[in-house]
């Protein structure tokens, strides 16, 4: 039998223990098939959100006068990620 799924790569990540506990609980309750599946889904969602942000930003900049400087882009990402104080 030939598998139709994409090959997987192993990653090691560190998260706050309360986040890990919440994900494990969700998996135990059937909310996801595994911790890996939950994390993969979450990363896919974030990648899509980042891509949407980039398209939206490019459209807005086309309409308002040009591209952001690297510093302006970094500041916008900090604000949108909830890290405005950084």
PDB file of N, CA and C in Angstrom:
ATOM      1  N   UNK A   1       0.838  -1.170   0.000  1.00  0.00           N
ATOM      2  CA  UNK A   1       0.000   0.000   0.000  1.00  0.00           C
ATOM      3  C   UNK A   1       0.888   1.240   0.000  1.00  0.00           C
ATOM      4  N   UNK A   2       0.583   2.195  -0.854  1.00  0.00           N
ATOM      5  CA  UNK A   2       1.339   3.434  -0.952  1.00  0.00           C
ATOM      6  C   UNK A   2       0.601   4.514  -0.171  1.00  0.00           C
ATOM      7  N   UNK A   3       1.334   5.193   0.711  1.00  0.00           N
ATOM      8  CA  UNK A   3       0.741   6.254   1.507  1.00  0.00           C
ATOM      9  C   UNK A   3       0.611   7.522   0.679  1.00  0.00           C
ATOM     10  N   UNK A   4      -0.521   8.219   0.817  1.00  0.00           N
ATOM     11  CA  UNK A   4      -0.760   9.459   0.089  1.00  0.00           C
ATOM     12  C   UNK A   4      -0.493  10.683   0.961  1.00  0.00           C
ATOM     13  N   UNK A   5      -0.010  10.469   2.183  1.00  0.00           N
ATOM     14  CA  UNK A   5       0.247  11.606   3.063  1.00  0.00           C
ATOM     15  C   UNK A   5       1.656  12.129   2.829  1.00  0.00           C
ATOM     16  N   UNK A   6       1.824  13.404   3.085  1.00  0.00           N
ATOM     17  CA  UNK A   6       3.137  14.030   2.930  1.00  0.00           C
ATOM     18  C   UNK A   6       4.080  13.496   3.996  1.00  0.00           C
ATOM     19  N   UNK A   7       5.368  13.424   3.674  1.00  0.00           N
ATOM     20  CA  UNK A   7       6.316  12.975   4.699  1.00  0.00           C
ATOM     21  C   UNK A   7       6.345  13.966   5.860  1.00  0.00           C
ATOM     22  N   UNK A   8       6.613  13.456   7.028  1.00  0.00           N
ATOM     23  CA  UNK A   8       6.637  14.282   8.238  1.00  0.00           C
ATOM     24  C   UNK A   8       8.076  14.555   8.650  1.00  0.00           C
ATOM     25  N   UNK A   9       8.279  15.659   9.335  1.00  0.00           N
ATOM     26  CA  UNK A   9       9.570  16.007   9.921  1.00  0.00           C
ATOM     27  C   UNK A   9       9.387  16.172  11.417  1.00  0.00           C
ATOM     28  N   UNK A  10      10.339  15.695  12.170  1.00  0.00           N
ATOM     29  CA  UNK A  10      10.267  15.812  13.621  1.00  0.00           C
ATOM     30  C   UNK A  10      10.813  17.176  14.038  1.00  0.00           C
ATOM     31  N   UNK A  11      10.073  17.863  14.902  1.00  0.00           N
ATOM     32  CA  UNK A  11      10.490  19.127  15.494  1.00  0.00           C
ATOM     33  C   UNK A  11      10.436  18.980  17.003  1.00  0.00           C
ATOM     34  N   UNK A  12      11.284  19.693  17.680  1.00  0.00           N
ATOM     35  CA  UNK A  12      11.213  19.754  19.126  1.00  0.00           C
ATOM     36  C   UNK A  12      10.887  21.189  19.492  1.00  0.00           C
ATOM     37  N   UNK A  13       9.829  21.373  20.256  1.00  0.00           N
ATOM     38  CA  UNK A  13       9.417  22.709  20.674  1.00  0.00           C
ATOM     39  C   UNK A  13       9.255  22.723  22.187  1.00  0.00           C
ATOM     40  N   UNK A  14       9.355  23.906  22.749  1.00  0.00           N
ATOM     41  CA  UNK A  14       9.159  24.088  24.175  1.00  0.00           C
ATOM     42  C   UNK A  14       8.013  25.071  24.357  1.00  0.00           C
ATOM     43  N   UNK A  15       7.041  24.689  25.166  1.00  0.00           N
ATOM     44  CA  UNK A  15       5.900  25.564  25.453  1.00  0.00           C
ATOM     45  C   UNK A  15       5.693  25.602  26.961  1.00  0.00           C
ATOM     46  N   UNK A  16       4.977  26.623  27.413  1.00  0.00           N
ATOM     47  CA  UNK A  16       4.628  26.703  28.836  1.00  0.00           C
ATOM     48  C   UNK A  16       3.865  25.445  29.233  1.00  0.00           C
ATOM     49  N   UNK A  17       4.099  24.981  30.445  1.00  0.00           N
ATOM     50  CA  UNK A  17       3.470  23.729  30.884  1.00  0.00           C
ATOM     51  C   UNK A  17       1.951  23.817  30.901  1.00  0.00           C
ATOM     52  N   UNK A  18       1.384  25.003  31.165  1.00  0.00           N
ATOM     53  CA  UNK A  18      -0.077  25.103  31.168  1.00  0.00           C
ATOM     54  C   UNK A  18      -0.632  24.925  29.760  1.00  0.00           C
ATOM     55  N   UNK A  19       0.086  25.375  28.753  1.00  0.00           N
ATOM     56  CA  UNK A  19      -0.349  25.183  27.363  1.00  0.00           C
ATOM     57  C   UNK A  19      -0.267  23.702  27.008  1.00  0.00           C
ATOM     58  N   UNK A  20       0.835  23.063  27.365  1.00  0.00           N
ATOM     59  CA  UNK A  20       0.990  21.630  27.091  1.00  0.00           C
ATOM     60  C   UNK A  20      -0.123  20.832  27.759  1.00  0.00           C
ATOM     61  N   UNK A  21      -0.437  21.184  28.991  1.00  0.00           N
ATOM     62  CA  UNK A  21      -1.510  20.476  29.720  1.00  0.00           C
ATOM     63  C   UNK A  21      -2.859  20.662  29.023  1.00  0.00           C
ATOM     64  N   UNK A  22      -3.136  21.877  28.562  1.00  0.00           N
ATOM     65  CA  UNK A  22      -4.409  22.136  27.876  1.00  0.00           C
ATOM     66  C   UNK A  22      -4.515  21.322  26.591  1.00  0.00           C
ATOM     67  N   UNK A  23      -3.422  21.255  25.838  1.00  0.00           N
ATOM     68  CA  UNK A  23      -3.441  20.499  24.578  1.00  0.00           C
ATOM     69  C   UNK A  23      -3.623  19.009  24.878  1.00  0.00           C
ATOM     70  N   UNK A  24      -2.902  18.493  25.845  1.00  0.00           N
ATOM     71  CA  UNK A  24      -3.029  17.074  26.196  1.00  0.00           C
ATOM     72  C   UNK A  24      -4.448  16.747  26.654  1.00  0.00           C
ATOM     73  N   UNK A  25      -5.052  17.639  27.420  1.00  0.00           N
ATOM     74  CA  UNK A  25      -6.432  17.433  27.871  1.00  0.00           C
ATOM     75  C   UNK A  25      -7.377  17.418  26.683  1.00  0.00           C
ATOM     76  N   UNK A  26      -7.194  18.364  25.776  1.00  0.00           N
ATOM     77  CA  UNK A  26      -8.042  18.427  24.588  1.00  0.00           C
ATOM     78  C   UNK A  26      -7.931  17.139  23.768  1.00  0.00           C
ATOM     79  N   UNK A  27      -6.711  16.633  23.610  1.00  0.00           N
ATOM     80  CA  UNK A  27      -6.509  15.380  22.870  1.00  0.00           C
ATOM     81  C   UNK A  27      -7.191  14.223  23.597  1.00  0.00           C
ATOM     82  N   UNK A  28      -7.030  14.159  24.920  1.00  0.00           N
ATOM     83  CA  UNK A  28      -7.648  13.089  25.703  1.00  0.00           C
ATOM     84  C   UNK A  28      -9.172  13.104  25.599  1.00  0.00           C
ATOM     85  N   UNK A  29      -9.729  14.298  25.406  1.00  0.00           N
ATOM     86  CA  UNK A  29     -11.180  14.437  25.275  1.00  0.00           C
ATOM     87  C   UNK A  29     -11.655  14.227  23.842  1.00  0.00           C
ATOM     88  N   UNK A  30     -10.735  13.927  22.935  1.00  0.00           N
ATOM     89  CA  UNK A  30     -11.109  13.659  21.555  1.00  0.00           C
ATOM     90  C   UNK A  30     -11.140  14.884  20.657  1.00  0.00           C
ATOM     91  N   UNK A  31     -10.637  16.008  21.137  1.00  0.00           N
ATOM     92  CA  UNK A  31     -10.654  17.234  20.340  1.00  0.00           C
ATOM     93  C   UNK A  31      -9.629  17.254  19.225  1.00  0.00           C
ATOM     94  N   UNK A  32      -8.676  16.342  19.267  1.00  0.00           N
ATOM     95  CA  UNK A  32      -7.675  16.173  18.218  1.00  0.00           C
ATOM     96  C   UNK A  32      -7.169  14.744  18.322  1.00  0.00           C
ATOM     97  N   UNK A  33      -6.634  14.239  17.226  1.00  0.00           N
ATOM     98  CA  UNK A  33      -6.186  12.844  17.246  1.00  0.00           C
ATOM     99  C   UNK A  33      -4.874  12.657  18.001  1.00  0.00           C
ATOM    100  N   UNK A  34      -4.074  13.715  18.100  1.00  0.00           N
ATOM    101  CA  UNK A  34      -2.802  13.646  18.814  1.00  0.00           C
ATOM    102  C   UNK A  34      -2.300  15.065  19.072  1.00  0.00           C
ATOM    103  N   UNK A  35      -1.321  15.163  19.953  1.00  0.00           N
ATOM    104  CA  UNK A  35      -0.697  16.465  20.194  1.00  0.00           C
ATOM    105  C   UNK A  35      -0.068  16.959  18.901  1.00  0.00           C
ATOM    106  N   UNK A  36       0.595  16.093  18.174  1.00  0.00           N
ATOM    107  CA  UNK A  36       1.228  16.487  16.912  1.00  0.00           C
ATOM    108  C   UNK A  36       0.202  17.012  15.915  1.00  0.00           C
ATOM    109  N   UNK A  37      -0.942  16.341  15.827  1.00  0.00           N
ATOM    110  CA  UNK A  37      -1.986  16.791  14.904  1.00  0.00           C
ATOM    111  C   UNK A  37      -2.507  18.166  15.309  1.00  0.00           C
ATOM    112  N   UNK A  38      -2.675  18.388  16.606  1.00  0.00           N
ATOM    113  CA  UNK A  38      -3.149  19.684  17.095  1.00  0.00           C
ATOM    114  C   UNK A  38      -2.141  20.783  16.765  1.00  0.00           C
ATOM    115  N   UNK A  39      -0.876  20.514  17.042  1.00  0.00           N
ATOM    116  CA  UNK A  39       0.166  21.513  16.775  1.00  0.00           C
ATOM    117  C   UNK A  39       0.282  21.778  15.280  1.00  0.00           C
ATOM    118  N   UNK A  40       0.232  20.729  14.468  1.00  0.00           N
ATOM    119  CA  UNK A  40       0.321  20.920  13.011  1.00  0.00           C
ATOM    120  C   UNK A  40      -0.836  21.778  12.507  1.00  0.00           C
ATOM    121  N   UNK A  41      -2.041  21.509  12.992  1.00  0.00           N
ATOM    122  CA  UNK A  41      -3.199  22.312  12.600  1.00  0.00           C
ATOM    123  C   UNK A  41      -3.005  23.774  13.016  1.00  0.00           C
ATOM    124  N   UNK A  42      -2.529  23.974  14.233  1.00  0.00           N
ATOM    125  CA  UNK A  42      -2.308  25.331  14.737  1.00  0.00           C
ATOM    126  C   UNK A  42      -1.286  26.077  13.890  1.00  0.00           C
ATOM    127  N   UNK A  43      -0.213  25.396  13.526  1.00  0.00           N
ATOM    128  CA  UNK A  43       0.828  26.030  12.701  1.00  0.00           C
ATOM    129  C   UNK A  43       0.271  26.347  11.314  1.00  0.00           C
ATOM    130  N   UNK A  44      -0.502  25.434  10.738  1.00  0.00           N
ATOM    131  CA  UNK A  44      -1.125  25.715   9.429  1.00  0.00           C
ATOM    132  C   UNK A  44      -2.009  26.964   9.497  1.00  0.00           C
ATOM    133  N   UNK A  45      -2.781  27.068  10.570  1.00  0.00           N
ATOM    134  CA  UNK A  45      -3.652  28.245  10.735  1.00  0.00           C
ATOM    135  C   UNK A  45      -2.828  29.519  10.851  1.00  0.00           C
ATOM    136  N   UNK A  46      -1.739  29.475  11.600  1.00  0.00           N
ATOM    137  CA  UNK A  46      -0.901  30.661  11.758  1.00  0.00           C
ATOM    138  C   UNK A  46      -0.230  31.025  10.442  1.00  0.00           C
ATOM    139  N   UNK A  47       0.237  30.040   9.691  1.00  0.00           N
ATOM    140  CA  UNK A  47       0.851  30.316   8.386  1.00  0.00           C
ATOM    141  C   UNK A  47      -0.155  30.966   7.438  1.00  0.00           C
ATOM    142  N   UNK A  48      -1.389  30.486   7.466  1.00  0.00           N
ATOM    143  CA  UNK A  48      -2.436  31.081   6.628  1.00  0.00           C
ATOM    144  C   UNK A  48      -2.730  32.507   7.062  1.00  0.00           C
ATOM    145  N   UNK A  49      -2.781  32.730   8.372  1.00  0.00           N
ATOM    146  CA  UNK A  49      -3.025  34.084   8.879  1.00  0.00           C
ATOM    147  C   UNK A  49      -1.896  35.023   8.484  1.00  0.00           C
ATOM    148  N   UNK A  50      -0.658  34.543   8.573  1.00  0.00           N
ATOM    149  CA  UNK A  50       0.487  35.364   8.169  1.00  0.00           C
ATOM    150  C   UNK A  50       0.411  35.707   6.687  1.00  0.00           C
ATOM    151  N   UNK A  51       0.041  34.737   5.861  1.00  0.00           N
ATOM    152  CA  UNK A  51      -0.074  34.979   4.418  1.00  0.00           C
ATOM    153  C   UNK A  51      -1.189  35.981   4.141  1.00  0.00           C
ATOM    154  N   UNK A  52      -2.317  35.830   4.831  1.00  0.00           N
ATOM    155  CA  UNK A  52      -3.426  36.775   4.671  1.00  0.00           C
ATOM    156  C   UNK A  52      -2.999  38.180   5.073  1.00  0.00           C
ATOM    157  N   UNK A  53      -2.247  38.279   6.174  1.00  0.00           N
ATOM    158  CA  UNK A  53      -1.755  39.575   6.635  1.00  0.00           C
ATOM    159  C   UNK A  53      -0.865  40.211   5.570  1.00  0.00           C
ATOM    160  N   UNK A  54       0.034  39.426   4.995  1.00  0.00           N
ATOM    161  CA  UNK A  54       0.944  39.964   3.982  1.00  0.00           C
ATOM    162  C   UNK A  54       0.185  40.473   2.762  1.00  0.00           C
ATOM    163  N   UNK A  55      -0.846  39.743   2.330  1.00  0.00           N
ATOM    164  CA  UNK A  55      -1.654  40.181   1.186  1.00  0.00           C
ATOM    165  C   UNK A  55      -2.418  41.455   1.534  1.00  0.00           C
ATOM    166  N   UNK A  56      -3.038  41.478   2.699  1.00  0.00           N
ATOM    167  CA  UNK A  56      -3.777  42.653   3.142  1.00  0.00           C
ATOM    168  C   UNK A  56      -2.857  43.863   3.250  1.00  0.00           C
ATOM    169  N   UNK A  57      -1.705  43.664   3.829  1.00  0.00           N
ATOM    170  CA  UNK A  57      -0.750  44.763   3.979  1.00  0.00           C
ATOM    171  C   UNK A  57      -0.299  45.284   2.621  1.00  0.00           C
ATOM    172  N   UNK A  58       0.015  44.402   1.698  1.00  0.00           N
ATOM    173  CA  UNK A  58       0.439  44.826   0.363  1.00  0.00           C
ATOM    174  C   UNK A  58      -0.656  45.623  -0.326  1.00  0.00           C
ATOM    175  N   UNK A  59      -1.899  45.182  -0.194  1.00  0.00           N
ATOM    176  CA  UNK A  59      -3.027  45.899  -0.807  1.00  0.00           C
ATOM    177  C   UNK A  59      -3.167  47.286  -0.191  1.00  0.00           C
ATOM    178  N   UNK A  60      -3.112  47.350   1.122  1.00  0.00           N
ATOM    179  CA  UNK A  60      -3.247  48.639   1.805  1.00  0.00           C
ATOM    180  C   UNK A  60      -2.109  49.584   1.417  1.00  0.00           C
ATOM    181  N   UNK A  61      -0.912  49.047   1.341  1.00  0.00           N
ATOM    182  CA  UNK A  61       0.234  49.896   0.998  1.00  0.00           C
ATOM    183  C   UNK A  61       0.146  50.401  -0.441  1.00  0.00           C
ATOM    184  N   UNK A  62      -0.336  49.552  -1.338  1.00  0.00           N
ATOM    185  CA  UNK A  62      -0.532  49.993  -2.726  1.00  0.00           C
ATOM    186  C   UNK A  62      -1.487  51.177  -2.790  1.00  0.00           C
ATOM    187  N   UNK A  63      -2.467  51.180  -1.894  1.00  0.00           N
ATOM    188  CA  UNK A  63      -3.484  52.226  -1.893  1.00  0.00           C
ATOM    189  C   UNK A  63      -3.068  53.470  -1.108  1.00  0.00           C
ATOM    190  N   UNK A  64      -2.021  53.354  -0.278  1.00  0.00           N
ATOM    191  CA  UNK A  64      -1.701  54.477   0.609  1.00  0.00           C
ATOM    192  C   UNK A  64      -0.281  55.018   0.491  1.00  0.00           C
ATOM    193  N   UNK A  65       0.506  54.513  -0.435  1.00  0.00           N
ATOM    194  CA  UNK A  65       1.782  55.186  -0.622  1.00  0.00           C
ATOM    195  C   UNK A  65       3.053  54.389  -0.503  1.00  0.00           C
ATOM    196  N   UNK A  66       3.029  53.113  -0.573  1.00  0.00           N
ATOM    197  CA  UNK A  66       4.287  52.397  -0.661  1.00  0.00           C
ATOM    198  C   UNK A  66       4.575  51.446   0.471  1.00  0.00           C
ATOM    199  N   UNK A  67       5.668  50.722   0.323  1.00  0.00           N
ATOM    200  CA  UNK A  67       5.992  49.659   1.275  1.00  0.00           C
ATOM    201  C   UNK A  67       6.480  50.200   2.618  1.00  0.00           C
ATOM    202  N   UNK A  68       6.304  49.354   3.632  1.00  0.00           N
ATOM    203  CA  UNK A  68       6.825  49.671   4.958  1.00  0.00           C
ATOM    204  C   UNK A  68       8.336  49.454   4.982  1.00  0.00           C
ATOM    205  N   UNK A  69       8.984  50.184   5.858  1.00  0.00           N
ATOM    206  CA  UNK A  69      10.393  49.902   6.121  1.00  0.00           C
ATOM    207  C   UNK A  69      10.452  48.615   6.945  1.00  0.00           C
ATOM    208  N   UNK A  70      11.610  47.978   7.014  1.00  0.00           N
ATOM    209  CA  UNK A  70      11.714  46.773   7.861  1.00  0.00           C
ATOM    210  C   UNK A  70      11.329  47.046   9.321  1.00  0.00           C
ATOM    211  N   UNK A  71      11.680  48.216   9.851  1.00  0.00           N
ATOM    212  CA  UNK A  71      11.309  48.559  11.230  1.00  0.00           C
ATOM    213  C   UNK A  71       9.798  48.703  11.384  1.00  0.00           C
ATOM    214  N   UNK A  72       9.143  49.327  10.405  1.00  0.00           N
ATOM    215  CA  UNK A  72       7.687  49.482  10.456  1.00  0.00           C
ATOM    216  C   UNK A  72       6.992  48.131  10.371  1.00  0.00           C
ATOM    217  N   UNK A  73       7.503  47.250   9.530  1.00  0.00           N
ATOM    218  CA  UNK A  73       6.923  45.909   9.400  1.00  0.00           C
ATOM    219  C   UNK A  73       7.067  45.137  10.713  1.00  0.00           C
ATOM    220  N   UNK A  74       8.244  45.218  11.338  1.00  0.00           N
ATOM    221  CA  UNK A  74       8.471  44.525  12.606  1.00  0.00           C
ATOM    222  C   UNK A  74       7.546  45.073  13.691  1.00  0.00           C
ATOM    223  N   UNK A  75       7.368  46.373  13.725  1.00  0.00           N
ATOM    224  CA  UNK A  75       6.478  46.977  14.718  1.00  0.00           C
ATOM    225  C   UNK A  75       5.037  46.529  14.501  1.00  0.00           C
ATOM    226  N   UNK A  76       4.606  46.480  13.248  1.00  0.00           N
ATOM    227  CA  UNK A  76       3.236  46.026  12.947  1.00  0.00           C
ATOM    228  C   UNK A  76       3.034  44.587  13.381  1.00  0.00           C
ATOM    229  N   UNK A  77       4.012  43.732  13.131  1.00  0.00           N
ATOM    230  CA  UNK A  77       3.890  42.331  13.532  1.00  0.00           C
ATOM    231  C   UNK A  77       3.830  42.210  15.057  1.00  0.00           C
ATOM    232  N   UNK A  78       4.625  43.032  15.761  1.00  0.00           N
ATOM    233  CA  UNK A  78       4.578  42.985  17.236  1.00  0.00           C
ATOM    234  C   UNK A  78       3.196  43.387  17.737  1.00  0.00           C
ATOM    235  N   UNK A  79       2.640  44.427  17.177  1.00  0.00           N
ATOM    236  CA  UNK A  79       1.307  44.883  17.591  1.00  0.00           C
ATOM    237  C   UNK A  79       0.271  43.811  17.318  1.00  0.00           C
ATOM    238  N   UNK A  80       0.315  43.238  16.136  1.00  0.00           N
ATOM    239  CA  UNK A  80      -0.687  42.244  15.766  1.00  0.00           C
ATOM    240  C   UNK A  80      -0.532  40.929  16.527  1.00  0.00           C
ATOM    241  N   UNK A  81       0.671  40.662  17.022  1.00  0.00           N
ATOM    242  CA  UNK A  81       0.873  39.431  17.790  1.00  0.00           C
ATOM    243  C   UNK A  81       0.553  39.628  19.267  1.00  0.00           C
ATOM    244  N   UNK A  82       0.202  40.875  19.645  1.00  0.00           N
ATOM    245  CA  UNK A  82      -0.111  41.146  21.041  1.00  0.00           C
ATOM    246  C   UNK A  82       1.100  41.520  21.851  1.00  0.00           C
ATOM    247  N   UNK A  83       2.234  41.756  21.194  1.00  0.00           N
ATOM    248  CA  UNK A  83       3.481  42.070  21.873  1.00  0.00           C
ATOM    249  C   UNK A  83       3.859  43.531  21.640  1.00  0.00           C
ATOM    250  N   UNK A  84       2.906  44.421  21.742  1.00  0.00           N
ATOM    251  CA  UNK A  84       3.129  45.833  21.431  1.00  0.00           C
ATOM    252  C   UNK A  84       4.139  46.478  22.363  1.00  0.00           C
ATOM    253  N   UNK A  85       4.300  45.938  23.569  1.00  0.00           N
ATOM    254  CA  UNK A  85       5.224  46.537  24.521  1.00  0.00           C
ATOM    255  C   UNK A  85       6.676  46.221  24.189  1.00  0.00           C
ATOM    256  N   UNK A  86       6.907  45.199  23.351  1.00  0.00           N
ATOM    257  CA  UNK A  86       8.280  44.786  23.029  1.00  0.00           C
ATOM    258  C   UNK A  86       8.983  45.775  22.138  1.00  0.00           C
TER     259      UNK A  86
END
